[in-house]
Every structure is written in C-alpha cells, then in structure tokens.
Amino acid sequence: MSDAVRLHDLTLGYDGHPAVHHLDGGFATGSLTAIVGPNGSGKSTLLKGIVGQLAPIGGRIERQGEIAYLPQGADVDRSFPVTVRELVGLGLWRRRGAFGALTAADRDSIAHALGAVGLDGFAARPIETLSGGQLQRALFARVIVQDAPVVLLDEPFAAVDERTIGDLVRLIAGWHGEGRTIIAVLHDLDLVRRHFPRALLLARTPIAWDETAVALQPGNVERANAMPEAWDDQAPWHEAEAKPHAGHVH
C-alpha cells in the first residue's frame, strides 16, 4: 500500500532548535493513526510540518493529495467577528479563493456539514457564542466541506464533553471507512487503544511506530515519559549520529 504522507529523516524545530528529530516512516493511504507522547514531545510540531506551516530543518516530507487540518481549539481566535457559516466556509477557500463568494451549492454543503456534526440552526451564530464543544464541532464541519483525502487533527477532543467525544469519534471512524488517511494528535491513551489501529509514540525522537498494542507497550510509554519537558537550549541542529533505531518499527 502506498503512503499518503512519507517522512524522510525529518527534523523540525523553531529558531534553530529541533523539536522533532530524525523521523523516518510513512502513514499508509487509508490508515488511522494516533500521535501520542508527553507534553513538549513534538506532536503538534509534526502536524504543522506535514501540513506545510513549518519548513523542515532537515529531511523532507512527501504528500499525496490535499490535506485538511484541524488545529487546536486554543489556536482559534474566538473574538474574531465571524459566524459559524463563515468559519465552516473557510474550508472551501481552495476552490473559491480567499475572496470568492459562496454559491448556493456551497451553502448546501455547509448546511449538510453542520447537520452531520449536530449543529443544525447554528449557521448564523457568532463563533464567540459557542461553547468549547460546539466550536470543536464547527471545526469538524470545516474539515467535512474540505473533502480532503488526508485529515490532520490536533487534540480534537480537548475540553469537550463525553457525548461530543463519542460523536466526533464516530465521525472519524466514518472518514476512515471512506478510505481517508487520518492522523490525530491525542493524549488519552485508553481512547487511542480503543479506536486507533496504529500509533506513533513520540518524544522528540520516535520511540515506537506500529500497531497500537505494540507501540503503546508499557516499556515504550515509560521511555517516552522519561523525556524532560524543559526546552533544551543545547539541542543539536541535525546530527545524523543521534538518529535512534531501537523501538522504531513500521
């Protein structure tokens, strides 16, 4: 099976400091993978690199097809004066352009997406009036209208209630059933074990990348959690001899 996203000895970072070191492997087309690891392990950084928001320090990324990206809810400025319809409509910008007017078909697509995430009747609401769970549902609706073969989700269940988590998990399962490639940053290992067949355990370097039951063995999780959260000002830029091998299985 071909890879929807392939990483070649990838190193990503900020201001010259690597946050993800020497990551090599692929996300197979149609796969459902969770990226897990302690705080500061480079999970969100990796998604930003895959979507193209962050240029590699070293190595390269191969991408097949359009990518839909759902950022963390905390990255969304809820004071910005836009409606739910306008927020979801941003998912159409590749087809309409930054200033293209929404067509009747676009409005139907947005309405369908809002219905799919349980937000019927919310289209005209300002986003500042939404609860955390409602905002997350609206962001999922934006992903729906993008209709992309690859979907990146950064902490999609943060600060939402159990019912919303259940609804969104079912939505993700539906995308997986359609053959889309799903890559999600998550922190709830029990949820990952229940719903995600594959996992990448990251601690700046890859600890394990395999079927979830293999990747999240207790020894691997302990190794990842032993990583210090403090930023390392002495971290090397890109030294090949630091590349790990043990526990990194595809």
C-alpha atoms as a PDB file:
ATOM      1  CA  MET A   1       0.000   0.000   0.000  1.00  0.00           C
ATOM      2  CA  SER A   2       1.330   3.459  -0.879  1.00  0.00           C
ATOM      3  CA  ASP A   3       1.879   6.183   1.695  1.00  0.00           C
ATOM      4  CA  ALA A   4      -0.335   9.262   1.795  1.00  0.00           C
ATOM      5  CA  VAL A   5       2.404  11.031   3.786  1.00  0.00           C
ATOM      6  CA  ARG A   6       6.041   9.936   3.825  1.00  0.00           C
ATOM      7  CA  LEU A   7       8.720  11.360   6.140  1.00  0.00           C
ATOM      8  CA  HIS A   8      12.366  11.096   5.158  1.00  0.00           C
ATOM      9  CA  ASP A   9      14.798  11.609   8.080  1.00  0.00           C
ATOM     10  CA  LEU A  10      12.669  14.591   9.101  1.00  0.00           C
ATOM     11  CA  THR A  11      13.809  17.165  11.654  1.00  0.00           C
ATOM     12  CA  LEU A  12      11.534  20.093  12.554  1.00  0.00           C
ATOM     13  CA  GLY A  13      12.036  22.940  15.007  1.00  0.00           C
ATOM     14  CA  TYR A  14      11.848  26.604  15.889  1.00  0.00           C
ATOM     15  CA  ASP A  15      14.560  29.269  15.964  1.00  0.00           C
ATOM     16  CA  GLY A  16      17.227  26.726  15.214  1.00  0.00           C
ATOM     17  CA  HIS A  17      16.191  24.307  17.986  1.00  0.00           C
ATOM     18  CA  PRO A  18      14.900  20.889  16.860  1.00  0.00           C
ATOM     19  CA  ALA A  19      11.554  19.806  18.291  1.00  0.00           C
ATOM     20  CA  VAL A  20      11.291  16.572  16.263  1.00  0.00           C
ATOM     21  CA  HIS A  21      14.475  14.659  15.407  1.00  0.00           C
ATOM     22  CA  HIS A  22      15.191  12.266  12.536  1.00  0.00           C
ATOM     23  CA  LEU A  23      11.711  10.887  11.955  1.00  0.00           C
ATOM     24  CA  ASP A  24      11.531   8.374   9.128  1.00  0.00           C
ATOM     25  CA  GLY A  25       8.450   6.438   8.027  1.00  0.00           C
ATOM     26  CA  GLY A  26       5.083   6.679   6.354  1.00  0.00           C
ATOM     27  CA  PHE A  27       1.355   6.999   7.009  1.00  0.00           C
ATOM     28  CA  ALA A  28      -0.239   4.486   4.657  1.00  0.00           C
ATOM     29  CA  THR A  29      -3.145   5.589   2.499  1.00  0.00           C
ATOM     30  CA  GLY A  30      -6.389   4.855   4.337  1.00  0.00           C
ATOM     31  CA  SER A  31      -4.696   4.378   7.721  1.00  0.00           C
ATOM     32  CA  LEU A  32      -5.926   5.693  11.080  1.00  0.00           C
ATOM     33  CA  THR A  33      -3.021   6.737  13.297  1.00  0.00           C
ATOM     34  CA  ALA A  34      -2.750   8.465  16.670  1.00  0.00           C
ATOM     35  CA  ILE A  35       0.349  10.505  17.534  1.00  0.00           C
ATOM     36  CA  VAL A  36       0.928  10.374  21.283  1.00  0.00           C
ATOM     37  CA  GLY A  37       3.633  11.410  23.731  1.00  0.00           C
ATOM     38  CA  PRO A  38       4.318  13.672  26.707  1.00  0.00           C
ATOM     39  CA  ASN A  39       3.953  17.448  26.650  1.00  0.00           C
ATOM     40  CA  GLY A  40       6.662  19.042  24.558  1.00  0.00           C
ATOM     41  CA  SER A  41       7.341  15.869  22.577  1.00  0.00           C
ATOM     42  CA  GLY A  42       6.797  17.495  19.169  1.00  0.00           C
ATOM     43  CA  LYS A  43       3.344  16.132  18.317  1.00  0.00           C
ATOM     44  CA  SER A  44       1.747  19.411  17.169  1.00  0.00           C
ATOM     45  CA  THR A  45       5.030  20.457  15.561  1.00  0.00           C
ATOM     46  CA  LEU A  46       4.911  17.331  13.412  1.00  0.00           C
ATOM     47  CA  LEU A  47       1.390  18.115  12.193  1.00  0.00           C
ATOM     48  CA  LYS A  48       2.425  21.674  11.329  1.00  0.00           C
ATOM     49  CA  GLY A  49       5.309  20.278   9.325  1.00  0.00           C
ATOM     50  CA  ILE A  50       3.091  17.815   7.463  1.00  0.00           C
ATOM     51  CA  VAL A  51       0.529  20.479   6.566  1.00  0.00           C
ATOM     52  CA  GLY A  52       3.285  22.838   5.402  1.00  0.00           C
ATOM     53  CA  GLN A  53       3.118  25.506   8.089  1.00  0.00           C
ATOM     54  CA  LEU A  54       6.647  24.702   9.253  1.00  0.00           C
ATOM     55  CA  ALA A  55       9.607  24.097   6.944  1.00  0.00           C
ATOM     56  CA  PRO A  56      11.950  21.201   7.786  1.00  0.00           C
ATOM     57  CA  ILE A  57      15.363  21.874   9.322  1.00  0.00           C
ATOM     58  CA  GLY A  58      16.470  18.617   7.737  1.00  0.00           C
ATOM     59  CA  GLY A  59      14.984  15.823   5.665  1.00  0.00           C
ATOM     60  CA  ARG A  60      11.809  16.112   3.645  1.00  0.00           C
ATOM     61  CA  ILE A  61       8.095  15.307   3.519  1.00  0.00           C
ATOM     62  CA  GLU A  62       6.229  13.726   0.610  1.00  0.00           C
ATOM     63  CA  ARG A  63       2.481  14.336   0.447  1.00  0.00           C
ATOM     64  CA  GLN A  64      -0.140  12.750  -1.787  1.00  0.00           C
ATOM     65  CA  GLY A  65      -3.264  14.857  -2.306  1.00  0.00           C
ATOM     66  CA  GLU A  66      -4.932  17.681  -0.447  1.00  0.00           C
ATOM     67  CA  ILE A  67      -4.744  17.836   3.350  1.00  0.00           C
ATOM     68  CA  ALA A  68      -7.453  19.070   5.715  1.00  0.00           C
ATOM     69  CA  TYR A  69      -6.110  20.380   9.026  1.00  0.00           C
ATOM     70  CA  LEU A  70      -7.974  20.889  12.286  1.00  0.00           C
ATOM     71  CA  PRO A  71      -5.810  22.953  14.676  1.00  0.00           C
ATOM     72  CA  GLN A  72      -6.180  23.008  18.427  1.00  0.00           C
ATOM     73  CA  GLY A  73      -9.234  24.978  19.515  1.00  0.00           C
ATOM     74  CA  ALA A  74      -6.949  27.256  21.516  1.00  0.00           C
ATOM     75  CA  ASP A  75      -5.410  28.401  18.213  1.00  0.00           C
ATOM     76  CA  VAL A  76      -8.739  29.831  17.031  1.00  0.00           C
ATOM     77  CA  ASP A  77      -9.414  33.492  17.874  1.00  0.00           C
ATOM     78  CA  ARG A  78     -12.981  33.293  19.120  1.00  0.00           C
ATOM     79  CA  SER A  79     -13.271  37.077  19.392  1.00  0.00           C
ATOM     80  CA  PHE A  80     -12.948  37.426  15.612  1.00  0.00           C
ATOM     81  CA  PRO A  81     -16.347  38.614  14.265  1.00  0.00           C
ATOM     82  CA  VAL A  82     -17.331  35.687  12.049  1.00  0.00           C
ATOM     83  CA  THR A  83     -20.343  33.418  12.013  1.00  0.00           C
ATOM     84  CA  VAL A  84     -20.319  29.644  12.171  1.00  0.00           C
ATOM     85  CA  ARG A  85     -21.218  29.552   8.465  1.00  0.00           C
ATOM     86  CA  GLU A  86     -18.217  31.747   7.630  1.00  0.00           C
ATOM     87  CA  LEU A  87     -15.890  29.643   9.780  1.00  0.00           C
ATOM     88  CA  VAL A  88     -17.001  26.428   8.109  1.00  0.00           C
ATOM     89  CA  GLY A  89     -16.923  28.113   4.689  1.00  0.00           C
ATOM     90  CA  LEU A  90     -13.180  28.674   5.096  1.00  0.00           C
ATOM     91  CA  GLY A  91     -12.855  25.006   4.223  1.00  0.00           C
ATOM     92  CA  LEU A  92     -13.846  25.915   0.658  1.00  0.00           C
ATOM     93  CA  TRP A  93     -11.135  28.501   0.052  1.00  0.00           C
ATOM     94  CA  ARG A  94      -9.042  26.255  -2.200  1.00  0.00           C
ATOM     95  CA  ARG A  95     -11.991  26.022  -4.582  1.00  0.00           C
ATOM     96  CA  ARG A  96     -13.361  29.540  -4.199  1.00  0.00           C
ATOM     97  CA  GLY A  97     -10.262  31.608  -3.424  1.00  0.00           C
ATOM     98  CA  ALA A  98      -9.791  33.866  -0.424  1.00  0.00           C
ATOM     99  CA  PHE A  99     -12.441  36.335  -1.578  1.00  0.00           C
ATOM    100  CA  GLY A 100     -14.759  34.130  -3.625  1.00  0.00           C
ATOM    101  CA  ALA A 101     -18.454  34.356  -2.839  1.00  0.00           C
ATOM    102  CA  LEU A 102     -20.250  31.262  -1.569  1.00  0.00           C
ATOM    103  CA  THR A 103     -22.580  29.654  -4.105  1.00  0.00           C
ATOM    104  CA  ALA A 104     -25.928  28.047  -3.367  1.00  0.00           C
ATOM    105  CA  ALA A 105     -24.206  24.659  -3.610  1.00  0.00           C
ATOM    106  CA  ASP A 106     -21.602  25.840  -1.092  1.00  0.00           C
ATOM    107  CA  ARG A 107     -24.311  26.864   1.338  1.00  0.00           C
ATOM    108  CA  ASP A 108     -25.951  23.476   0.943  1.00  0.00           C
ATOM    109  CA  SER A 109     -22.594  21.791   1.600  1.00  0.00           C
ATOM    110  CA  ILE A 110     -22.069  23.881   4.746  1.00  0.00           C
ATOM    111  CA  ALA A 111     -25.589  23.144   5.975  1.00  0.00           C
ATOM    112  CA  HIS A 112     -25.047  19.415   5.397  1.00  0.00           C
ATOM    113  CA  ALA A 113     -21.734  19.534   7.311  1.00  0.00           C
ATOM    114  CA  LEU A 114     -23.320  21.379  10.234  1.00  0.00           C
ATOM    115  CA  GLY A 115     -26.078  18.796  10.351  1.00  0.00           C
ATOM    116  CA  ALA A 116     -23.504  15.999  10.342  1.00  0.00           C
ATOM    117  CA  VAL A 117     -21.835  17.418  13.483  1.00  0.00           C
ATOM    118  CA  GLY A 118     -25.085  18.220  15.288  1.00  0.00           C
ATOM    119  CA  LEU A 119     -25.115  21.997  14.698  1.00  0.00           C
ATOM    120  CA  ASP A 120     -28.322  22.433  12.726  1.00  0.00           C
ATOM    121  CA  GLY A 121     -29.540  26.002  13.163  1.00  0.00           C
ATOM    122  CA  PHE A 122     -26.132  27.376  14.204  1.00  0.00           C
ATOM    123  CA  ALA A 123     -25.016  28.806  10.836  1.00  0.00           C
ATOM    124  CA  ALA A 124     -25.741  32.457  11.706  1.00  0.00           C
ATOM    125  CA  ARG A 125     -24.372  32.294  15.260  1.00  0.00           C
ATOM    126  CA  PRO A 126     -21.162  34.270  16.002  1.00  0.00           C
ATOM    127  CA  ILE A 127     -18.389  31.874  16.958  1.00  0.00           C
ATOM    128  CA  GLU A 128     -17.776  33.800  20.177  1.00  0.00           C
ATOM    129  CA  THR A 129     -21.145  32.491  21.460  1.00  0.00           C
ATOM    130  CA  LEU A 130     -20.167  28.830  21.064  1.00  0.00           C
ATOM    131  CA  SER A 131     -19.174  26.516  23.870  1.00  0.00           C
ATOM    132  CA  GLY A 132     -15.902  24.610  23.587  1.00  0.00           C
ATOM    133  CA  GLY A 133     -17.679  21.511  22.328  1.00  0.00           C
ATOM    134  CA  GLN A 134     -19.745  23.473  19.818  1.00  0.00           C
ATOM    135  CA  LEU A 135     -16.646  25.187  18.444  1.00  0.00           C
ATOM    136  CA  GLN A 136     -14.938  21.816  18.029  1.00  0.00           C
ATOM    137  CA  ARG A 137     -17.970  20.500  16.146  1.00  0.00           C
ATOM    138  CA  ALA A 138     -17.838  23.559  13.874  1.00  0.00           C
ATOM    139  CA  LEU A 139     -14.158  22.916  13.158  1.00  0.00           C
ATOM    140  CA  PHE A 140     -15.020  19.324  12.249  1.00  0.00           C
ATOM    141  CA  ALA A 141     -17.688  20.686   9.892  1.00  0.00           C
ATOM    142  CA  ARG A 142     -14.980  22.780   8.205  1.00  0.00           C
ATOM    143  CA  VAL A 143     -12.972  19.601   7.660  1.00  0.00           C
ATOM    144  CA  ILE A 144     -16.037  17.919   6.146  1.00  0.00           C
ATOM    145  CA  VAL A 145     -16.510  20.617   3.482  1.00  0.00           C
ATOM    146  CA  GLN A 146     -12.826  20.400   2.544  1.00  0.00           C
ATOM    147  CA  ASP A 147     -13.474  16.807   1.456  1.00  0.00           C
ATOM    148  CA  ALA A 148      -9.732  16.009   1.539  1.00  0.00           C
ATOM    149  CA  PRO A 149      -8.215  12.523   1.323  1.00  0.00           C
ATOM    150  CA  VAL A 150      -5.833  13.255   4.233  1.00  0.00           C
ATOM    151  CA  VAL A 151      -7.076  14.677   7.558  1.00  0.00           C
ATOM    152  CA  LEU A 152      -4.856  16.011  10.354  1.00  0.00           C
ATOM    153  CA  LEU A 153      -6.441  16.563  13.777  1.00  0.00           C
ATOM    154  CA  ASP A 154      -4.585  18.315  16.611  1.00  0.00           C
ATOM    155  CA  GLU A 155      -6.094  17.402  20.004  1.00  0.00           C
ATOM    156  CA  PRO A 156      -9.622  17.133  18.548  1.00  0.00           C
ATOM    157  CA  PHE A 157     -11.172  16.090  21.875  1.00  0.00           C
ATOM    158  CA  ALA A 158      -9.611  18.703  24.158  1.00  0.00           C
ATOM    159  CA  ALA A 159     -12.016  20.460  26.544  1.00  0.00           C
ATOM    160  CA  VAL A 160     -15.146  18.769  25.201  1.00  0.00           C
ATOM    161  CA  ASP A 161     -17.730  16.596  26.949  1.00  0.00           C
ATOM    162  CA  GLU A 162     -18.048  12.817  26.641  1.00  0.00           C
ATOM    163  CA  ARG A 163     -21.059  12.995  24.339  1.00  0.00           C
ATOM    164  CA  THR A 164     -19.175  15.262  21.920  1.00  0.00           C
ATOM    165  CA  ILE A 165     -16.160  12.949  22.045  1.00  0.00           C
ATOM    166  CA  GLY A 166     -18.386   9.999  21.154  1.00  0.00           C
ATOM    167  CA  ASP A 167     -19.967  11.865  18.238  1.00  0.00           C
ATOM    168  CA  LEU A 168     -16.595  13.000  16.876  1.00  0.00           C
ATOM    169  CA  VAL A 169     -15.043   9.538  17.244  1.00  0.00           C
ATOM    170  CA  ARG A 170     -17.891   8.146  15.128  1.00  0.00           C
ATOM    171  CA  LEU A 171     -17.288  10.859  12.547  1.00  0.00           C
ATOM    172  CA  ILE A 172     -13.587   9.953  12.380  1.00  0.00           C
ATOM    173  CA  ALA A 173     -14.485   6.267  12.045  1.00  0.00           C
ATOM    174  CA  GLY A 174     -16.755   7.204   9.127  1.00  0.00           C
ATOM    175  CA  TRP A 175     -13.908   9.044   7.383  1.00  0.00           C
ATOM    176  CA  HIS A 176     -11.662   6.035   7.922  1.00  0.00           C
ATOM    177  CA  GLY A 177     -14.344   3.804   6.436  1.00  0.00           C
ATOM    178  CA  GLU A 178     -14.345   6.012   3.335  1.00  0.00           C
ATOM    179  CA  GLY A 179     -10.633   5.304   2.858  1.00  0.00           C
ATOM    180  CA  ARG A 180      -9.302   8.649   4.067  1.00  0.00           C
ATOM    181  CA  THR A 181      -5.964   8.845   5.862  1.00  0.00           C
ATOM    182  CA  ILE A 182      -6.458  10.157   9.419  1.00  0.00           C
ATOM    183  CA  ILE A 183      -3.598  11.370  11.642  1.00  0.00           C
ATOM    184  CA  ALA A 184      -4.611  12.662  15.078  1.00  0.00           C
ATOM    185  CA  VAL A 185      -2.616  14.076  17.989  1.00  0.00           C
ATOM    186  CA  LEU A 186      -4.139  12.703  21.194  1.00  0.00           C
ATOM    187  CA  HIS A 187      -3.266  12.381  24.886  1.00  0.00           C
ATOM    188  CA  ASP A 188      -5.874   9.853  26.095  1.00  0.00           C
ATOM    189  CA  LEU A 189      -4.107   6.500  25.669  1.00  0.00           C
ATOM    190  CA  ASP A 190      -7.200   4.489  26.599  1.00  0.00           C
ATOM    191  CA  LEU A 191      -9.161   6.193  23.837  1.00  0.00           C
ATOM    192  CA  VAL A 192      -6.298   5.564  21.406  1.00  0.00           C
ATOM    193  CA  ARG A 193      -6.236   1.879  22.295  1.00  0.00           C
ATOM    194  CA  ARG A 194      -9.999   1.594  21.712  1.00  0.00           C
ATOM    195  CA  HIS A 195     -10.323   3.464  18.443  1.00  0.00           C
ATOM    196  CA  PHE A 196      -6.983   3.899  16.646  1.00  0.00           C
ATOM    197  CA  PRO A 197      -5.354   0.860  14.996  1.00  0.00           C
ATOM    198  CA  ARG A 198      -1.889   2.458  14.731  1.00  0.00           C
ATOM    199  CA  ALA A 199       0.121   4.785  16.939  1.00  0.00           C
ATOM    200  CA  LEU A 200       3.285   6.846  16.706  1.00  0.00           C
ATOM    201  CA  LEU A 201       4.785   7.325  20.180  1.00  0.00           C
ATOM    202  CA  LEU A 202       6.900  10.448  20.006  1.00  0.00           C
ATOM    203  CA  ALA A 203       9.321  12.017  22.489  1.00  0.00           C
ATOM    204  CA  ARG A 204      11.071  14.402  20.129  1.00  0.00           C
ATOM    205  CA  THR A 205      12.579  11.253  18.665  1.00  0.00           C
ATOM    206  CA  PRO A 206      10.365   8.322  17.624  1.00  0.00           C
ATOM    207  CA  ILE A 207      10.003   5.783  20.438  1.00  0.00           C
ATOM    208  CA  ALA A 208       7.712   3.389  18.547  1.00  0.00           C
ATOM    209  CA  TRP A 209       5.570   3.465  15.388  1.00  0.00           C
ATOM    210  CA  ASP A 210       3.472   0.360  14.906  1.00  0.00           C
ATOM    211  CA  GLU A 211       0.126  -1.256  15.619  1.00  0.00           C
ATOM    212  CA  THR A 212      -1.234   0.454  18.731  1.00  0.00           C
ATOM    213  CA  ALA A 213      -0.933  -2.553  21.038  1.00  0.00           C
ATOM    214  CA  VAL A 214       2.751  -2.858  20.115  1.00  0.00           C
ATOM    215  CA  ALA A 215       3.632   0.850  20.095  1.00  0.00           C
ATOM    216  CA  LEU A 216       1.985   1.545  23.446  1.00  0.00           C
ATOM    217  CA  GLN A 217       3.548  -1.270  25.427  1.00  0.00           C
ATOM    218  CA  PRO A 218       4.310  -0.112  28.996  1.00  0.00           C
ATOM    219  CA  GLY A 219       8.059  -0.056  28.436  1.00  0.00           C
ATOM    220  CA  ASN A 220       7.718   2.238  25.448  1.00  0.00           C
ATOM    221  CA  VAL A 221       5.369   4.592  27.297  1.00  0.00           C
ATOM    222  CA  GLU A 222       7.783   4.725  30.243  1.00  0.00           C
ATOM    223  CA  ARG A 223      10.655   5.628  27.918  1.00  0.00           C
ATOM    224  CA  ALA A 224       8.613   8.424  26.363  1.00  0.00           C
ATOM    225  CA  ASN A 225       7.510   9.802  29.713  1.00  0.00           C
ATOM    226  CA  ALA A 226      11.111   9.938  30.890  1.00  0.00           C
ATOM    227  CA  MET A 227      11.776  12.691  28.360  1.00  0.00           C
ATOM    228  CA  PRO A 228      12.294  16.044  30.163  1.00  0.00           C
ATOM    229  CA  GLU A 229       9.704  18.677  29.306  1.00  0.00           C
ATOM    230  CA  ALA A 230      12.170  21.556  29.646  1.00  0.00           C
ATOM    231  CA  TRP A 231      13.331  23.145  26.394  1.00  0.00           C
ATOM    232  CA  ASP A 232      16.891  22.092  25.577  1.00  0.00           C
ATOM    233  CA  ASP A 233      18.895  25.154  24.530  1.00  0.00           C
ATOM    234  CA  GLN A 234      21.832  22.883  23.702  1.00  0.00           C
ATOM    235  CA  ALA A 235      19.903  20.631  21.325  1.00  0.00           C
ATOM    236  CA  PRO A 236      21.816  19.940  18.098  1.00  0.00           C
ATOM    237  CA  TRP A 237      20.561  21.201  14.777  1.00  0.00           C
ATOM    238  CA  HIS A 238      20.670  17.990  12.770  1.00  0.00           C
ATOM    239  CA  GLU A 239      23.225  15.348  13.662  1.00  0.00           C
ATOM    240  CA  ALA A 240      22.841  12.045  11.857  1.00  0.00           C
ATOM    241  CA  GLU A 241      24.700  10.131  14.570  1.00  0.00           C
ATOM    242  CA  ALA A 242      21.881  10.999  17.027  1.00  0.00           C
ATOM    243  CA  LYS A 243      19.352   9.082  14.924  1.00  0.00           C
ATOM    244  CA  PRO A 244      17.655   6.374  17.036  1.00  0.00           C
ATOM    245  CA  HIS A 245      16.861   2.892  15.807  1.00  0.00           C
ATOM    246  CA  ALA A 246      15.614   0.823  18.733  1.00  0.00           C
ATOM    247  CA  GLY A 247      11.868   0.558  19.066  1.00  0.00           C
ATOM    248  CA  HIS A 248      11.193   2.340  15.780  1.00  0.00           C
ATOM    249  CA  VAL A 249       9.141  -0.131  13.766  1.00  0.00           C
ATOM    250  CA  HIS A 250       6.924   0.441  10.719  1.00  0.00           C
END
